[in-house]
Amino acid sequence: MGLIDIIQNKTIFIDTAPLIYYIEDNNKSYSKILDLFFEMNLKMRTQLITSTISLLEVLVIPFKTNNSELAEKYKQLLCHSNTFKMWGVDTEIATKAAELRAKYRLKTPDSIQIATAICHFSDFFLTNDKQLKILSELNILIIDELIDNYSF
């Protein structure tokens, strides 16, 4: 079974690092796999979501370096897309994040990201953070592992 078959008609939470790889295209080995996720999203064959934590995290460097063009690319994708959804933190997510922090000793941003994915019924969580594989509540997809296991 190919990756397209696995992610088709699924909801996938996109963590911050994959967003940076996709927008900044700073790692050519990740381009094909991320293009697949975003292409399937544009064709309405996969739902991609993230949280406002991702927006906060991706905008730091563009703001620090006064790179308004890069900041605008991120805002366009995360805030103005018709197919990519971004969710804010509410009491349900905050409560779930606290449970995850207590159970796994996660950092607050990671716990909010994962809680958002869980509360919005994500089938997968796309990241490159191998430490998150300890989670039992969510299917974690590691980009490096996907590259090793699927041909593009």
Protein backbone atom coordinates (compact mmCIF):
# COMPACT_ATOMS: atom_id res chain seq x y z
CA MET A 1 0.00 0.00 0.00
CA GLY A 2 1.36 3.40 -0.98
CA LEU A 3 1.40 6.58 1.06
CA ILE A 4 -1.39 8.10 -1.05
CA ASP A 5 -3.64 5.20 -0.10
CA ILE A 6 -2.80 5.64 3.58
CA ILE A 7 -3.48 9.39 3.79
CA GLN A 8 -6.36 9.67 1.31
CA ASN A 9 -9.59 10.89 2.92
CA LYS A 10 -7.80 11.42 6.23
CA THR A 11 -7.28 14.42 8.47
CA ILE A 12 -3.61 15.15 9.03
CA PHE A 13 -2.22 17.60 11.55
CA ILE A 14 0.90 19.32 10.20
CA ASP A 15 3.48 20.21 12.85
CA THR A 16 5.65 23.32 12.59
CA ALA A 17 8.80 21.78 11.08
CA PRO A 18 7.02 20.35 8.01
CA LEU A 19 5.46 23.77 7.40
CA ILE A 20 8.91 25.36 7.45
CA TYR A 21 10.30 22.69 5.12
CA TYR A 22 7.37 23.20 2.75
CA ILE A 23 7.32 27.01 2.63
CA GLU A 24 11.05 27.64 2.76
CA ASP A 25 11.93 24.59 0.65
CA ASN A 26 15.16 24.35 2.61
CA ASN A 27 15.43 20.57 2.45
CA LYS A 28 15.07 19.15 -1.06
CA SER A 29 14.74 15.59 0.24
CA TYR A 30 11.46 16.60 1.93
CA SER A 31 9.98 18.46 -1.05
CA LYS A 32 8.40 15.52 -2.85
CA ILE A 33 6.73 14.08 0.20
CA LEU A 34 5.40 17.44 1.43
CA ASP A 35 4.26 18.37 -2.07
CA LEU A 36 2.22 15.15 -2.04
CA PHE A 37 0.43 16.09 1.21
CA PHE A 38 -0.32 19.64 0.05
CA GLU A 39 -1.35 18.54 -3.46
CA MET A 40 -3.79 16.02 -2.02
CA ASN A 41 -5.15 18.75 0.24
CA LEU A 42 -5.70 21.11 -2.69
CA LYS A 43 -7.53 18.34 -4.53
CA MET A 44 -9.73 17.87 -1.43
CA ARG A 45 -8.49 14.30 -1.00
CA THR A 46 -6.88 14.99 2.39
CA GLN A 47 -7.70 17.53 5.11
CA LEU A 48 -4.66 19.33 6.53
CA ILE A 49 -4.89 21.16 9.83
CA THR A 50 -2.58 22.87 12.32
CA SER A 51 -2.86 25.13 15.36
CA THR A 52 -2.16 28.78 16.02
CA ILE A 53 1.00 27.60 17.81
CA SER A 54 2.39 26.76 14.36
CA LEU A 55 1.68 30.30 13.18
CA LEU A 56 3.48 31.70 16.22
CA GLU A 57 6.47 29.43 15.68
CA VAL A 58 6.88 29.95 11.92
CA LEU A 59 6.68 33.75 12.15
CA VAL A 60 9.51 34.23 14.66
CA ILE A 61 12.43 34.08 12.19
CA PRO A 62 10.72 36.17 9.48
CA PHE A 63 9.95 38.84 12.09
CA LYS A 64 13.45 38.64 13.57
CA THR A 65 15.04 39.06 10.11
CA ASN A 66 12.47 41.59 8.85
CA ASN A 67 11.51 39.19 6.07
CA SER A 68 7.96 40.37 5.44
CA GLU A 69 7.71 38.34 2.21
CA LEU A 70 8.33 35.08 4.07
CA ALA A 71 5.96 36.09 6.87
CA GLU A 72 3.29 36.76 4.27
CA LYS A 73 3.80 33.33 2.68
CA TYR A 74 3.17 31.70 6.04
CA LYS A 75 0.14 33.86 6.76
CA GLN A 76 -1.27 33.18 3.30
CA LEU A 77 -1.05 29.41 3.81
CA LEU A 78 -2.19 29.30 7.42
CA CYS A 79 -4.69 32.15 7.62
CA HIS A 80 -6.13 32.51 4.14
CA SER A 81 -6.30 29.02 2.65
CA ASN A 82 -9.65 27.54 1.67
CA THR A 83 -8.38 24.00 2.19
CA PHE A 84 -5.90 24.20 5.10
CA LYS A 85 -7.46 24.80 8.54
CA MET A 86 -5.81 26.40 11.54
CA TRP A 87 -7.38 25.99 14.99
CA GLY A 88 -6.98 28.20 18.05
CA VAL A 89 -6.61 27.07 21.64
CA ASP A 90 -9.89 26.67 23.52
CA THR A 91 -10.69 25.15 26.91
CA GLU A 92 -11.02 21.63 25.49
CA ILE A 93 -7.59 21.83 23.84
CA ALA A 94 -6.00 23.47 26.91
CA THR A 95 -7.36 20.72 29.16
CA LYS A 96 -6.20 17.95 26.82
CA ALA A 97 -2.79 19.65 26.51
CA ALA A 98 -2.44 19.68 30.30
CA GLU A 99 -3.28 15.95 30.43
CA LEU A 100 -0.66 15.23 27.76
CA ARG A 101 1.98 17.35 29.55
CA ALA A 102 1.31 15.46 32.78
CA LYS A 103 1.38 12.05 31.11
CA TYR A 104 4.35 12.50 28.75
CA ARG A 105 6.26 15.48 30.21
CA LEU A 106 5.86 17.35 26.91
CA LYS A 107 6.71 20.99 26.41
CA THR A 108 3.68 23.27 26.32
CA PRO A 109 3.82 23.99 22.56
CA ASP A 110 4.07 20.28 21.73
CA SER A 111 1.22 19.41 24.06
CA ILE A 112 -1.00 22.08 22.48
CA GLN A 113 -0.15 20.87 18.99
CA ILE A 114 -0.98 17.27 19.86
CA ALA A 115 -4.10 18.20 21.82
CA THR A 116 -5.34 20.19 18.82
CA ALA A 117 -4.79 17.18 16.58
CA ILE A 118 -6.66 14.90 18.98
CA CYS A 119 -9.55 17.31 19.63
CA HIS A 120 -10.04 17.83 15.89
CA PHE A 121 -10.02 14.09 15.17
CA SER A 122 -6.79 13.91 13.19
CA ASP A 123 -5.94 10.51 11.80
CA PHE A 124 -2.23 11.38 11.66
CA PHE A 125 0.26 13.89 13.08
CA LEU A 126 2.99 14.77 10.55
CA THR A 127 6.24 15.85 12.17
CA ASN A 128 9.94 15.14 12.17
CA ASP A 129 10.14 14.93 15.96
CA LYS A 130 10.88 11.26 16.64
CA GLN A 131 10.37 11.77 20.38
CA LEU A 132 6.63 12.12 19.77
CA LYS A 133 6.38 8.46 18.79
CA ILE A 134 5.87 7.71 22.50
CA LEU A 135 2.29 8.94 22.17
CA SER A 136 -0.39 6.27 22.17
CA GLU A 137 -3.28 8.64 21.44
CA LEU A 138 -2.29 9.52 17.89
CA ASN A 139 -0.66 8.00 14.81
CA ILE A 140 2.63 9.83 14.36
CA LEU A 141 4.13 10.13 10.87
CA ILE A 142 7.82 10.99 10.85
CA ILE A 143 8.94 12.59 7.58
CA ASP A 144 12.37 10.93 7.62
CA GLU A 145 10.73 7.52 8.08
CA LEU A 146 8.25 8.17 5.26
CA ILE A 147 11.13 9.01 2.92
CA ASP A 148 12.88 5.78 3.92
CA ASN A 149 9.75 3.64 3.46
CA TYR A 150 8.12 5.08 0.33
CA SER A 151 9.54 5.89 -3.08
CA PHE A 152 8.74 9.15 -4.87
